Amino acid sequence: MVFFDLETTGTDTAHDRIVEISLIKVDPNGEKTIKTRRINPEIPIPAEASAIHHITDEDVKDCPTFKQIAKSLKAFIEGCDFGGFNSNRFDLPLLVEEFMRAGVEVDFFRKAKYVDVQNIFHKKEERTLVAAYRFYCNKELGDAAHGAEADTLATYEVLLSQIERYSDLENDVDFLSRYSSRGDTADFAGRIGYNDKGEEIFTFGKYKGQKVAQIFASEPGYYDWMMKGDFPQYTKKIITEIKLRNKKF
């Protein structure tokens, strides 16, 4: 299982870029491998982002771009399940977008399970990572908060403490993935969900709750609008697959 955290240029999963990534690969025997890397995002880092993670343009000007490390990163994480703090809503979709921009196939993410420690925490206590670390581990993140490696290590420790604290939490990735999920989605950004029949539906906008294939059939222009719109590349990949799956299109 790989626990990971990103520091980025902002909070837009479709357009912002990674400036630091930290990963902890935990083998079944508990052995851990830690990798942390700063990345040149190839766009300016806004001052408001630097104020949070303290990484500036100067700090990353000589660092590799994501495209330069994408293949080796994929080799390190492919075949693993994933854990993070607010990772299902932010880190995961942004990471997928970076891989797609780099021209690296991302279908291996579909085979993985995802454990979002924040979702477990919110269901149990409703707090932030700093408070979670204090509550579960009796430790302070302090000045290290919002550093990718410190946050990743804290997330891993919090999950171990959650499993130990709550008797109804099974020490099993499948269970934890289901428990920490906010609902199954077809895309990582959560724009396309499923109804009770397993059919893809929109989770936003004027067609929220309606079947994607049905809307594309009755209003073909909606597909074109989405493809030209400000949606993540992976969401566009999913809606294209839905469109092509139906011979009427």
Protein backbone atom coordinates (compact mmCIF):
# COMPACT_ATOMS: atom_id res chain seq x y z
CA MET A 1 0.00 0.00 0.00
CA VAL A 2 1.24 3.48 -0.86
CA PHE A 3 0.42 6.46 1.36
CA PHE A 4 0.99 9.75 -0.41
CA ASP A 5 0.61 13.50 -0.09
CA LEU A 6 1.04 16.36 -2.54
CA GLU A 7 2.03 19.98 -2.21
CA THR A 8 0.72 21.91 -5.18
CA THR A 9 0.35 25.27 -6.90
CA GLY A 10 -3.32 25.42 -5.85
CA THR A 11 -6.53 23.49 -5.33
CA ASP A 12 -7.82 23.10 -8.89
CA THR A 13 -7.41 19.39 -9.63
CA ALA A 14 -7.80 19.96 -13.37
CA HIS A 15 -5.16 22.66 -13.80
CA ASP A 16 -2.87 23.03 -10.78
CA ARG A 17 0.46 21.22 -10.61
CA ILE A 18 2.51 19.25 -8.10
CA VAL A 19 5.52 20.94 -6.49
CA GLU A 20 6.32 18.16 -4.00
CA ILE A 21 5.24 14.54 -3.67
CA SER A 22 5.95 12.18 -0.83
CA LEU A 23 5.16 8.47 -0.85
CA ILE A 24 5.48 5.75 1.73
CA LYS A 25 5.22 2.22 0.34
CA VAL A 26 4.27 -0.18 3.12
CA ASP A 27 4.90 -3.85 2.38
CA PRO A 28 2.70 -6.57 3.93
CA ASN A 29 5.46 -7.27 6.46
CA GLY A 30 5.38 -3.63 7.61
CA GLU A 31 8.64 -2.60 5.94
CA LYS A 32 8.45 1.00 4.68
CA THR A 33 10.11 2.71 1.73
CA ILE A 34 9.91 6.51 1.73
CA LYS A 35 10.38 8.64 -1.37
CA THR A 36 10.01 12.44 -1.38
CA ARG A 37 10.66 14.60 -4.43
CA ARG A 38 10.25 18.26 -5.27
CA ILE A 39 9.01 18.94 -8.78
CA ASN A 40 9.24 21.89 -11.13
CA PRO A 41 5.57 22.58 -11.95
CA GLU A 42 6.51 24.57 -15.07
CA ILE A 43 4.13 27.32 -13.95
CA PRO A 44 4.61 30.01 -11.27
CA ILE A 45 3.80 29.00 -7.70
CA PRO A 46 1.30 31.56 -6.33
CA ALA A 47 2.34 33.39 -3.18
CA GLU A 48 -0.72 32.10 -1.32
CA ALA A 49 0.35 28.51 -2.05
CA SER A 50 3.95 29.17 -0.98
CA ALA A 51 2.62 30.68 2.25
CA ILE A 52 1.14 27.27 3.11
CA HIS A 53 3.87 24.81 2.04
CA HIS A 54 6.85 27.23 1.99
CA ILE A 55 8.00 26.07 -1.46
CA THR A 56 8.89 28.83 -3.90
CA ASP A 57 9.76 29.07 -7.59
CA GLU A 58 13.42 29.40 -6.59
CA ASP A 59 13.24 26.15 -4.61
CA VAL A 60 12.09 24.08 -7.59
CA LYS A 61 13.71 25.82 -10.56
CA ASP A 62 16.34 23.07 -10.93
CA CYS A 63 14.06 20.17 -9.99
CA PRO A 64 12.75 17.66 -12.54
CA THR A 65 9.36 18.14 -14.15
CA PHE A 66 6.61 15.63 -13.50
CA LYS A 67 6.97 14.30 -17.04
CA GLN A 68 10.62 13.49 -16.32
CA ILE A 69 9.76 11.32 -13.30
CA ALA A 70 6.37 9.99 -14.43
CA LYS A 71 7.50 6.59 -15.73
CA SER A 72 9.68 5.79 -12.71
CA LEU A 73 6.91 6.96 -10.38
CA LYS A 74 4.40 4.70 -12.12
CA ALA A 75 6.80 1.77 -11.76
CA PHE A 76 7.02 2.47 -8.01
CA ILE A 77 3.25 2.66 -7.37
CA GLU A 78 1.66 0.40 -10.00
CA GLY A 79 -0.08 -2.59 -8.45
CA CYS A 80 -0.43 -0.91 -5.06
CA ASP A 81 -3.47 0.28 -3.14
CA PHE A 82 -3.43 3.88 -1.90
CA GLY A 83 -3.96 5.82 1.30
CA GLY A 84 -4.05 9.53 2.01
CA PHE A 85 -5.72 12.40 3.86
CA ASN A 86 -8.43 13.98 1.70
CA SER A 87 -6.78 12.03 -1.11
CA ASN A 88 -9.97 10.79 -2.78
CA ARG A 89 -11.18 14.34 -3.43
CA PHE A 90 -7.90 16.14 -4.08
CA ASP A 91 -4.55 14.33 -4.24
CA LEU A 92 -5.69 11.37 -6.32
CA PRO A 93 -7.49 13.26 -9.12
CA LEU A 94 -4.66 15.80 -9.35
CA LEU A 95 -2.03 13.03 -9.51
CA VAL A 96 -3.98 11.29 -12.28
CA GLU A 97 -4.13 14.56 -14.24
CA GLU A 98 -0.35 14.94 -13.98
CA PHE A 99 0.18 11.42 -15.35
CA MET A 100 -2.19 12.13 -18.24
CA ARG A 101 -0.41 15.38 -19.10
CA ALA A 102 2.84 13.39 -19.13
CA GLY A 103 1.35 10.91 -21.60
CA VAL A 104 1.46 7.99 -19.14
CA GLU A 105 -1.41 5.48 -19.11
CA VAL A 106 -3.50 5.71 -15.93
CA ASP A 107 -5.78 2.67 -16.18
CA PHE A 108 -3.78 0.94 -13.43
CA PHE A 109 -5.47 3.30 -10.94
CA ARG A 110 -8.81 1.62 -11.70
CA LYS A 111 -7.57 -1.65 -10.22
CA ALA A 112 -6.55 -0.11 -6.89
CA LYS A 113 -8.38 0.38 -3.60
CA TYR A 114 -8.32 3.77 -1.87
CA VAL A 115 -8.36 4.48 1.85
CA ASP A 116 -9.06 8.11 2.70
CA VAL A 117 -8.02 8.60 6.32
CA GLN A 118 -9.80 11.96 6.47
CA ASN A 119 -13.14 10.34 5.67
CA ILE A 120 -12.65 7.84 8.48
CA PHE A 121 -11.68 10.66 10.81
CA HIS A 122 -14.66 12.81 9.83
CA LYS A 123 -17.05 9.91 10.35
CA LYS A 124 -15.59 9.39 13.80
CA GLU A 125 -14.38 12.76 15.11
CA GLU A 126 -14.70 15.64 12.56
CA ARG A 127 -11.25 17.29 12.63
CA THR A 128 -8.18 18.29 10.52
CA LEU A 129 -4.95 16.31 10.04
CA VAL A 130 -3.16 18.36 12.71
CA ALA A 131 -5.96 17.61 15.19
CA ALA A 132 -6.17 14.00 14.03
CA TYR A 133 -2.44 13.52 14.69
CA ARG A 134 -2.83 15.07 18.12
CA PHE A 135 -5.98 13.08 18.92
CA TYR A 136 -4.91 9.64 17.71
CA CYS A 137 -1.13 9.72 18.11
CA ASN A 138 -0.70 12.26 20.93
CA LYS A 139 1.86 14.08 18.79
CA GLU A 140 2.13 17.57 17.31
CA LEU A 141 2.86 18.26 13.64
CA GLY A 142 3.83 21.83 14.53
CA ASP A 143 5.96 23.62 11.95
CA ALA A 144 6.23 20.41 9.90
CA ALA A 145 2.56 20.59 8.92
CA HIS A 146 2.00 21.05 5.18
CA GLY A 147 5.32 19.44 4.36
CA ALA A 148 4.51 16.48 2.09
CA GLU A 149 6.69 13.94 3.92
CA ALA A 150 5.56 14.99 7.41
CA ASP A 151 1.90 14.93 6.36
CA THR A 152 2.31 11.52 4.71
CA LEU A 153 3.99 9.98 7.75
CA ALA A 154 1.34 11.48 10.01
CA THR A 155 -1.45 10.08 7.81
CA TYR A 156 0.05 6.59 7.98
CA GLU A 157 0.39 6.78 11.77
CA VAL A 158 -3.18 8.10 12.13
CA LEU A 159 -4.60 5.15 10.17
CA LEU A 160 -2.71 2.66 12.35
CA SER A 161 -4.09 4.40 15.44
CA GLN A 162 -7.61 4.45 14.02
CA ILE A 163 -7.51 0.70 13.41
CA GLU A 164 -6.27 0.14 16.95
CA ARG A 165 -8.82 2.50 18.53
CA TYR A 166 -12.02 1.46 16.75
CA SER A 167 -12.99 -2.19 17.08
CA ASP A 168 -15.37 -1.96 14.10
CA LEU A 169 -12.53 -1.00 11.73
CA GLU A 170 -11.05 -4.09 10.11
CA ASN A 171 -7.34 -4.18 9.34
CA ASP A 172 -8.13 -4.90 5.71
CA VAL A 173 -7.67 -2.63 2.69
CA ASP A 174 -10.93 -3.69 1.00
CA PHE A 175 -12.92 -2.88 4.15
CA LEU A 176 -11.12 0.40 4.80
CA SER A 177 -11.54 1.46 1.17
CA ARG A 178 -15.29 0.88 1.34
CA TYR A 179 -15.57 2.54 4.75
CA SER A 180 -13.63 5.66 3.80
CA SER A 181 -15.32 6.10 0.43
CA ARG A 182 -17.89 8.86 -0.02
CA GLY A 183 -19.57 6.77 -2.71
CA ASP A 184 -18.41 5.02 -5.87
CA THR A 185 -17.61 7.26 -8.82
CA ALA A 186 -16.59 6.49 -12.38
CA ASP A 187 -14.02 9.29 -12.45
CA PHE A 188 -11.60 10.34 -9.75
CA ALA A 189 -12.95 13.90 -9.59
CA GLY A 190 -16.41 12.60 -8.68
CA ARG A 191 -18.29 14.23 -11.56
CA ILE A 192 -19.66 10.89 -12.81
CA GLY A 193 -21.26 8.53 -10.29
CA TYR A 194 -23.42 5.42 -10.42
CA ASN A 195 -27.10 4.79 -9.75
CA ASP A 196 -28.40 1.72 -7.92
CA LYS A 197 -28.29 -0.24 -11.19
CA GLY A 198 -24.60 0.52 -11.74
CA GLU A 199 -25.29 2.95 -14.59
CA GLU A 200 -23.19 6.12 -14.89
CA ILE A 201 -25.00 9.29 -13.82
CA PHE A 202 -24.06 12.94 -13.54
CA THR A 203 -23.35 14.15 -10.01
CA PHE A 204 -23.50 17.86 -10.85
CA GLY A 205 -25.37 20.47 -12.86
CA LYS A 206 -28.78 20.52 -14.47
CA TYR A 207 -28.68 16.79 -15.25
CA LYS A 208 -27.59 15.70 -11.77
CA GLY A 209 -28.82 12.17 -11.09
CA GLN A 210 -29.62 11.47 -14.75
CA LYS A 211 -27.90 8.80 -16.83
CA VAL A 212 -24.91 10.01 -18.83
CA ALA A 213 -25.61 7.80 -21.84
CA GLN A 214 -29.23 8.92 -21.95
CA ILE A 215 -28.32 12.62 -21.89
CA PHE A 216 -25.66 12.19 -24.56
CA ALA A 217 -28.24 10.43 -26.75
CA SER A 218 -30.93 13.10 -26.32
CA GLU A 219 -28.56 16.10 -26.22
CA PRO A 220 -25.30 15.33 -28.09
CA GLY A 221 -24.11 18.89 -27.57
CA TYR A 222 -23.71 18.26 -23.85
CA TYR A 223 -20.83 15.87 -24.54
CA ASP A 224 -19.16 18.49 -26.75
CA TRP A 225 -19.68 21.12 -24.04
CA MET A 226 -17.99 18.92 -21.45
CA MET A 227 -15.09 18.08 -23.75
CA LYS A 228 -14.46 21.79 -24.36
CA GLY A 229 -15.13 22.72 -20.75
CA ASP A 230 -13.04 23.07 -17.64
CA PHE A 231 -13.17 19.40 -16.62
CA PRO A 232 -10.28 17.10 -15.66
CA GLN A 233 -8.79 15.07 -18.50
CA TYR A 234 -9.68 11.83 -16.75
CA THR A 235 -13.34 12.86 -16.54
CA LYS A 236 -13.25 13.53 -20.28
CA LYS A 237 -11.69 10.12 -20.82
CA ILE A 238 -14.54 8.46 -18.90
CA ILE A 239 -17.35 10.29 -20.70
CA THR A 240 -15.73 9.46 -24.04
CA GLU A 241 -15.69 5.78 -23.10
CA ILE A 242 -19.40 6.02 -22.21
CA LYS A 243 -20.13 7.76 -25.49
CA LEU A 244 -18.25 5.22 -27.60
CA ARG A 245 -19.80 2.30 -25.74
CA ASN A 246 -23.20 3.09 -27.26
CA LYS A 247 -23.37 2.44 -31.00
CA LYS A 248 -26.04 5.10 -31.42
CA PHE A 249 -23.42 7.83 -30.90
